[in-house]
């Protein structure tokens, strides 16, 4: 968990949020396009965070030598 919230992750999260926000904001003509774009961007960052937590937990996993 200590490696997740470093400057590299925060930069990638900002890029993901920006890309998802702009894709939804510019391509949407509904009256609530700001709310939809923000929620989609936050959902993308939340998904990225969950993936990073899972990846960090399984990164150092050493299965048995003769597993199968």
PDB file of N, CA and C in Angstrom:
ATOM      1  N   UNK A   1       0.821  -1.191   0.000  1.00  0.00           N
ATOM      2  CA  UNK A   1       0.000   0.000   0.000  1.00  0.00           C
ATOM      3  C   UNK A   1       0.863   1.252   0.000  1.00  0.00           C
ATOM      4  N   UNK A   2       2.099   1.124   0.473  1.00  0.00           N
ATOM      5  CA  UNK A   2       2.952   2.303   0.546  1.00  0.00           C
ATOM      6  C   UNK A   2       3.392   2.788  -0.827  1.00  0.00           C
ATOM      7  N   UNK A   3       3.444   1.902  -1.820  1.00  0.00           N
ATOM      8  CA  UNK A   3       3.906   2.295  -3.148  1.00  0.00           C
ATOM      9  C   UNK A   3       2.802   2.860  -4.030  1.00  0.00           C
ATOM     10  N   UNK A   4       1.563   2.770  -3.589  1.00  0.00           N
ATOM     11  CA  UNK A   4       0.455   3.188  -4.446  1.00  0.00           C
ATOM     12  C   UNK A   4       0.365   4.706  -4.548  1.00  0.00           C
ATOM     13  N   UNK A   5       0.488   5.405  -3.447  1.00  0.00           N
ATOM     14  CA  UNK A   5       0.231   6.836  -3.452  1.00  0.00           C
ATOM     15  C   UNK A   5       1.521   7.640  -3.560  1.00  0.00           C
ATOM     16  N   UNK A   6       2.341   7.304  -4.527  1.00  0.00           N
ATOM     17  CA  UNK A   6       3.531   8.107  -4.788  1.00  0.00           C
ATOM     18  C   UNK A   6       3.240   9.081  -5.923  1.00  0.00           C
ATOM     19  N   UNK A   7       4.212   9.878  -6.275  1.00  0.00           N
ATOM     20  CA  UNK A   7       4.006  10.938  -7.269  1.00  0.00           C
ATOM     21  C   UNK A   7       3.713  10.368  -8.661  1.00  0.00           C
ATOM     22  N   UNK A   8       4.275   9.212  -8.972  1.00  0.00           N
ATOM     23  CA  UNK A   8       4.030   8.590 -10.281  1.00  0.00           C
ATOM     24  C   UNK A   8       2.560   8.166 -10.412  1.00  0.00           C
ATOM     25  N   UNK A   9       2.021   7.537  -9.356  1.00  0.00           N
ATOM     26  CA  UNK A   9       0.623   7.127  -9.392  1.00  0.00           C
ATOM     27  C   UNK A   9      -0.304   8.331  -9.473  1.00  0.00           C
ATOM     28  N   UNK A  10      -0.003   9.359  -8.696  1.00  0.00           N
ATOM     29  CA  UNK A  10      -0.859  10.546  -8.714  1.00  0.00           C
ATOM     30  C   UNK A  10      -0.851  11.216 -10.088  1.00  0.00           C
ATOM     31  N   UNK A  11       0.278  11.190 -10.778  1.00  0.00           N
ATOM     32  CA  UNK A  11       0.342  11.734 -12.134  1.00  0.00           C
ATOM     33  C   UNK A  11      -0.505  10.927 -13.103  1.00  0.00           C
ATOM     34  N   UNK A  12      -0.420   9.600 -13.008  1.00  0.00           N
ATOM     35  CA  UNK A  12      -1.221   8.738 -13.884  1.00  0.00           C
ATOM     36  C   UNK A  12      -2.705   8.905 -13.574  1.00  0.00           C
ATOM     37  N   UNK A  13      -3.048   9.021 -12.290  1.00  0.00           N
ATOM     38  CA  UNK A  13      -4.452   9.216 -11.909  1.00  0.00           C
ATOM     39  C   UNK A  13      -4.979  10.542 -12.447  1.00  0.00           C
ATOM     40  N   UNK A  14      -4.153  11.581 -12.416  1.00  0.00           N
ATOM     41  CA  UNK A  14      -4.578  12.881 -12.954  1.00  0.00           C
ATOM     42  C   UNK A  14      -4.792  12.799 -14.461  1.00  0.00           C
ATOM     43  N   UNK A  15      -3.928  12.081 -15.155  1.00  0.00           N
ATOM     44  CA  UNK A  15      -4.081  11.924 -16.606  1.00  0.00           C
ATOM     45  C   UNK A  15      -5.348  11.135 -16.924  1.00  0.00           C
ATOM     46  N   UNK A  16      -5.591  10.051 -16.186  1.00  0.00           N
ATOM     47  CA  UNK A  16      -6.795   9.237 -16.406  1.00  0.00           C
ATOM     48  C   UNK A  16      -8.047  10.072 -16.168  1.00  0.00           C
ATOM     49  N   UNK A  17      -8.067  10.827 -15.069  1.00  0.00           N
ATOM     50  CA  UNK A  17      -9.226  11.667 -14.783  1.00  0.00           C
ATOM     51  C   UNK A  17      -9.435  12.697 -15.885  1.00  0.00           C
ATOM     52  N   UNK A  18      -8.362  13.344 -16.333  1.00  0.00           N
ATOM     53  CA  UNK A  18      -8.474  14.381 -17.359  1.00  0.00           C
ATOM     54  C   UNK A  18      -9.000  13.814 -18.667  1.00  0.00           C
ATOM     55  N   UNK A  19      -8.466  12.678 -19.080  1.00  0.00           N
ATOM     56  CA  UNK A  19      -8.903  12.079 -20.348  1.00  0.00           C
ATOM     57  C   UNK A  19     -10.373  11.672 -20.270  1.00  0.00           C
ATOM     58  N   UNK A  20     -10.753  10.979 -19.196  1.00  0.00           N
ATOM     59  CA  UNK A  20     -12.149  10.553 -19.073  1.00  0.00           C
ATOM     60  C   UNK A  20     -13.094  11.738 -18.935  1.00  0.00           C
ATOM     61  N   UNK A  21     -12.687  12.745 -18.184  1.00  0.00           N
ATOM     62  CA  UNK A  21     -13.518  13.932 -18.020  1.00  0.00           C
ATOM     63  C   UNK A  21     -13.738  14.632 -19.354  1.00  0.00           C
ATOM     64  N   UNK A  22     -12.663  14.857 -20.103  1.00  0.00           N
ATOM     65  CA  UNK A  22     -12.796  15.571 -21.376  1.00  0.00           C
ATOM     66  C   UNK A  22     -13.592  14.771 -22.399  1.00  0.00           C
ATOM     67  N   UNK A  23     -13.388  13.448 -22.431  1.00  0.00           N
ATOM     68  CA  UNK A  23     -14.157  12.630 -23.373  1.00  0.00           C
ATOM     69  C   UNK A  23     -15.651  12.737 -23.091  1.00  0.00           C
ATOM     70  N   UNK A  24     -16.024  12.720 -21.822  1.00  0.00           N
ATOM     71  CA  UNK A  24     -17.441  12.787 -21.471  1.00  0.00           C
ATOM     72  C   UNK A  24     -17.993  14.194 -21.565  1.00  0.00           C
ATOM     73  N   UNK A  25     -17.210  15.184 -21.200  1.00  0.00           N
ATOM     74  CA  UNK A  25     -17.703  16.561 -21.209  1.00  0.00           C
ATOM     75  C   UNK A  25     -17.882  17.077 -22.632  1.00  0.00           C
ATOM     76  N   UNK A  26     -16.925  16.797 -23.497  1.00  0.00           N
ATOM     77  CA  UNK A  26     -17.001  17.308 -24.867  1.00  0.00           C
ATOM     78  C   UNK A  26     -17.975  16.520 -25.735  1.00  0.00           C
ATOM     79  N   UNK A  27     -18.171  15.241 -25.420  1.00  0.00           N
ATOM     80  CA  UNK A  27     -19.027  14.412 -26.255  1.00  0.00           C
ATOM     81  C   UNK A  27     -20.451  14.277 -25.765  1.00  0.00           C
ATOM     82  N   UNK A  28     -20.830  15.020 -24.757  1.00  0.00           N
ATOM     83  CA  UNK A  28     -22.151  14.879 -24.158  1.00  0.00           C
ATOM     84  C   UNK A  28     -22.937  16.168 -24.363  1.00  0.00           C
ATOM     85  N   UNK A  29     -24.196  16.036 -24.765  1.00  0.00           N
ATOM     86  CA  UNK A  29     -25.025  17.227 -24.943  1.00  0.00           C
ATOM     87  C   UNK A  29     -26.197  17.267 -23.959  1.00  0.00           C
ATOM     88  N   UNK A  30     -26.148  16.449 -22.915  1.00  0.00           N
ATOM     89  CA  UNK A  30     -27.182  16.454 -21.883  1.00  0.00           C
ATOM     90  C   UNK A  30     -27.005  17.670 -20.979  1.00  0.00           C
ATOM     91  N   UNK A  31     -28.067  18.107 -20.307  1.00  0.00           N
ATOM     92  CA  UNK A  31     -27.936  19.281 -19.434  1.00  0.00           C
ATOM     93  C   UNK A  31     -27.042  19.050 -18.212  1.00  0.00           C
ATOM     94  N   UNK A  32     -26.848  17.799 -17.801  1.00  0.00           N
ATOM     95  CA  UNK A  32     -26.014  17.518 -16.627  1.00  0.00           C
ATOM     96  C   UNK A  32     -24.660  16.940 -17.029  1.00  0.00           C
ATOM     97  N   UNK A  33     -24.088  17.476 -18.095  1.00  0.00           N
ATOM     98  CA  UNK A  33     -22.849  16.890 -18.599  1.00  0.00           C
ATOM     99  C   UNK A  33     -21.673  17.075 -17.649  1.00  0.00           C
ATOM    100  N   UNK A  34     -21.658  18.128 -16.842  1.00  0.00           N
ATOM    101  CA  UNK A  34     -20.565  18.330 -15.890  1.00  0.00           C
ATOM    102  C   UNK A  34     -20.571  17.244 -14.813  1.00  0.00           C
ATOM    103  N   UNK A  35     -21.741  16.948 -14.256  1.00  0.00           N
ATOM    104  CA  UNK A  35     -21.833  15.929 -13.213  1.00  0.00           C
ATOM    105  C   UNK A  35     -21.466  14.556 -13.754  1.00  0.00           C
ATOM    106  N   UNK A  36     -21.949  14.238 -14.945  1.00  0.00           N
ATOM    107  CA  UNK A  36     -21.629  12.945 -15.544  1.00  0.00           C
ATOM    108  C   UNK A  36     -20.143  12.815 -15.827  1.00  0.00           C
ATOM    109  N   UNK A  37     -19.534  13.875 -16.320  1.00  0.00           N
ATOM    110  CA  UNK A  37     -18.110  13.829 -16.637  1.00  0.00           C
ATOM    111  C   UNK A  37     -17.273  13.681 -15.372  1.00  0.00           C
ATOM    112  N   UNK A  38     -17.639  14.387 -14.307  1.00  0.00           N
ATOM    113  CA  UNK A  38     -16.889  14.284 -13.047  1.00  0.00           C
ATOM    114  C   UNK A  38     -17.026  12.886 -12.454  1.00  0.00           C
ATOM    115  N   UNK A  39     -18.242  12.346 -12.449  1.00  0.00           N
ATOM    116  CA  UNK A  39     -18.438  11.012 -11.887  1.00  0.00           C
ATOM    117  C   UNK A  39     -17.730   9.942 -12.709  1.00  0.00           C
ATOM    118  N   UNK A  40     -17.716  10.084 -14.019  1.00  0.00           N
ATOM    119  CA  UNK A  40     -17.002   9.124 -14.847  1.00  0.00           C
ATOM    120  C   UNK A  40     -15.501   9.208 -14.600  1.00  0.00           C
ATOM    121  N   UNK A  41     -14.976  10.409 -14.488  1.00  0.00           N
ATOM    122  CA  UNK A  41     -13.556  10.577 -14.192  1.00  0.00           C
ATOM    123  C   UNK A  41     -13.186   9.995 -12.842  1.00  0.00           C
ATOM    124  N   UNK A  42     -14.012  10.258 -11.828  1.00  0.00           N
ATOM    125  CA  UNK A  42     -13.745   9.703 -10.500  1.00  0.00           C
ATOM    126  C   UNK A  42     -13.879   8.183 -10.488  1.00  0.00           C
ATOM    127  N   UNK A  43     -14.807   7.660 -11.263  1.00  0.00           N
ATOM    128  CA  UNK A  43     -14.939   6.207 -11.367  1.00  0.00           C
ATOM    129  C   UNK A  43     -13.724   5.569 -12.009  1.00  0.00           C
ATOM    130  N   UNK A  44     -13.170   6.223 -13.006  1.00  0.00           N
ATOM    131  CA  UNK A  44     -11.951   5.716 -13.631  1.00  0.00           C
ATOM    132  C   UNK A  44     -10.774   5.723 -12.681  1.00  0.00           C
ATOM    133  N   UNK A  45     -10.645   6.775 -11.891  1.00  0.00           N
ATOM    134  CA  UNK A  45      -9.556   6.850 -10.913  1.00  0.00           C
ATOM    135  C   UNK A  45      -9.768   5.810  -9.809  1.00  0.00           C
ATOM    136  N   UNK A  46     -11.007   5.591  -9.395  1.00  0.00           N
ATOM    137  CA  UNK A  46     -11.286   4.569  -8.380  1.00  0.00           C
ATOM    138  C   UNK A  46     -10.948   3.177  -8.910  1.00  0.00           C
ATOM    139  N   UNK A  47     -11.290   2.904 -10.158  1.00  0.00           N
ATOM    140  CA  UNK A  47     -10.940   1.624 -10.760  1.00  0.00           C
ATOM    141  C   UNK A  47      -9.439   1.433 -10.865  1.00  0.00           C
ATOM    142  N   UNK A  48      -8.736   2.491 -11.209  1.00  0.00           N
ATOM    143  CA  UNK A  48      -7.278   2.434 -11.273  1.00  0.00           C
ATOM    144  C   UNK A  48      -6.687   2.156  -9.893  1.00  0.00           C
ATOM    145  N   UNK A  49      -7.253   2.760  -8.862  1.00  0.00           N
ATOM    146  CA  UNK A  49      -6.766   2.551  -7.500  1.00  0.00           C
ATOM    147  C   UNK A  49      -6.986   1.110  -7.052  1.00  0.00           C
ATOM    148  N   UNK A  50      -8.163   0.563  -7.320  1.00  0.00           N
ATOM    149  CA  UNK A  50      -8.442  -0.827  -6.954  1.00  0.00           C
ATOM    150  C   UNK A  50      -7.491  -1.760  -7.690  1.00  0.00           C
ATOM    151  N   UNK A  51      -7.249  -1.507  -8.964  1.00  0.00           N
ATOM    152  CA  UNK A  51      -6.328  -2.335  -9.731  1.00  0.00           C
ATOM    153  C   UNK A  51      -4.919  -2.254  -9.163  1.00  0.00           C
ATOM    154  N   UNK A  52      -4.481  -1.065  -8.765  1.00  0.00           N
ATOM    155  CA  UNK A  52      -3.139  -0.915  -8.204  1.00  0.00           C
ATOM    156  C   UNK A  52      -3.018  -1.627  -6.859  1.00  0.00           C
ATOM    157  N   UNK A  53      -4.050  -1.598  -6.036  1.00  0.00           N
ATOM    158  CA  UNK A  53      -4.014  -2.319  -4.760  1.00  0.00           C
ATOM    159  C   UNK A  53      -3.910  -3.815  -5.018  1.00  0.00           C
ATOM    160  N   UNK A  54      -4.710  -4.332  -5.945  1.00  0.00           N
ATOM    161  CA  UNK A  54      -4.659  -5.755  -6.284  1.00  0.00           C
ATOM    162  C   UNK A  54      -3.307  -6.120  -6.871  1.00  0.00           C
ATOM    163  N   UNK A  55      -2.773  -5.284  -7.752  1.00  0.00           N
ATOM    164  CA  UNK A  55      -1.488  -5.557  -8.385  1.00  0.00           C
ATOM    165  C   UNK A  55      -0.369  -5.578  -7.355  1.00  0.00           C
ATOM    166  N   UNK A  56      -0.375  -4.653  -6.410  1.00  0.00           N
ATOM    167  CA  UNK A  56       0.675  -4.619  -5.396  1.00  0.00           C
ATOM    168  C   UNK A  56       0.592  -5.801  -4.442  1.00  0.00           C
ATOM    169  N   UNK A  57      -0.607  -6.314  -4.178  1.00  0.00           N
ATOM    170  CA  UNK A  57      -0.725  -7.471  -3.290  1.00  0.00           C
ATOM    171  C   UNK A  57      -0.260  -8.748  -3.969  1.00  0.00           C
ATOM    172  N   UNK A  58      -0.431  -8.871  -5.276  1.00  0.00           N
ATOM    173  CA  UNK A  58      -0.052 -10.096  -5.975  1.00  0.00           C
ATOM    174  C   UNK A  58       1.316 -10.003  -6.627  1.00  0.00           C
ATOM    175  N   UNK A  59       1.969  -8.868  -6.536  1.00  0.00           N
ATOM    176  CA  UNK A  59       3.262  -8.685  -7.194  1.00  0.00           C
ATOM    177  C   UNK A  59       4.333  -9.587  -6.593  1.00  0.00           C
ATOM    178  N   UNK A  60       4.365  -9.717  -5.292  1.00  0.00           N
ATOM    179  CA  UNK A  60       5.396 -10.501  -4.621  1.00  0.00           C
ATOM    180  C   UNK A  60       4.899 -11.874  -4.191  1.00  0.00           C
ATOM    181  N   UNK A  61       3.859 -12.344  -4.831  1.00  0.00           N
ATOM    182  CA  UNK A  61       3.290 -13.641  -4.496  1.00  0.00           C
ATOM    183  C   UNK A  61       4.173 -14.740  -5.073  1.00  0.00           C
ATOM    184  N   UNK A  62       4.630 -15.644  -4.230  1.00  0.00           N
ATOM    185  CA  UNK A  62       5.472 -16.757  -4.674  1.00  0.00           C
ATOM    186  C   UNK A  62       4.688 -18.055  -4.539  1.00  0.00           C
ATOM    187  N   UNK A  63       4.133 -18.567  -5.637  1.00  0.00           N
ATOM    188  CA  UNK A  63       3.390 -19.823  -5.547  1.00  0.00           C
ATOM    189  C   UNK A  63       4.355 -20.988  -5.294  1.00  0.00           C
ATOM    190  N   UNK A  64       3.834 -22.125  -4.859  1.00  0.00           N
ATOM    191  CA  UNK A  64       4.707 -23.289  -4.645  1.00  0.00           C
ATOM    192  C   UNK A  64       5.410 -23.697  -5.941  1.00  0.00           C
ATOM    193  N   UNK A  65       6.530 -24.390  -5.794  1.00  0.00           N
ATOM    194  CA  UNK A  65       7.345 -24.764  -6.949  1.00  0.00           C
ATOM    195  C   UNK A  65       6.578 -25.659  -7.919  1.00  0.00           C
ATOM    196  N   UNK A  66       5.915 -26.688  -7.428  1.00  0.00           N
ATOM    197  CA  UNK A  66       5.168 -27.621  -8.279  1.00  0.00           C
ATOM    198  C   UNK A  66       3.677 -27.402  -8.071  1.00  0.00           C
ATOM    199  N   UNK A  67       3.197 -26.247  -8.471  1.00  0.00           N
ATOM    200  CA  UNK A  67       1.808 -25.878  -8.199  1.00  0.00           C
ATOM    201  C   UNK A  67       0.819 -26.733  -8.971  1.00  0.00           C
ATOM    202  N   UNK A  68       1.096 -26.981 -10.229  1.00  0.00           N
ATOM    203  CA  UNK A  68       0.158 -27.768 -11.024  1.00  0.00           C
ATOM    204  C   UNK A  68       0.766 -29.096 -11.237  1.00  0.00           C
TER     205      UNK A  68
END
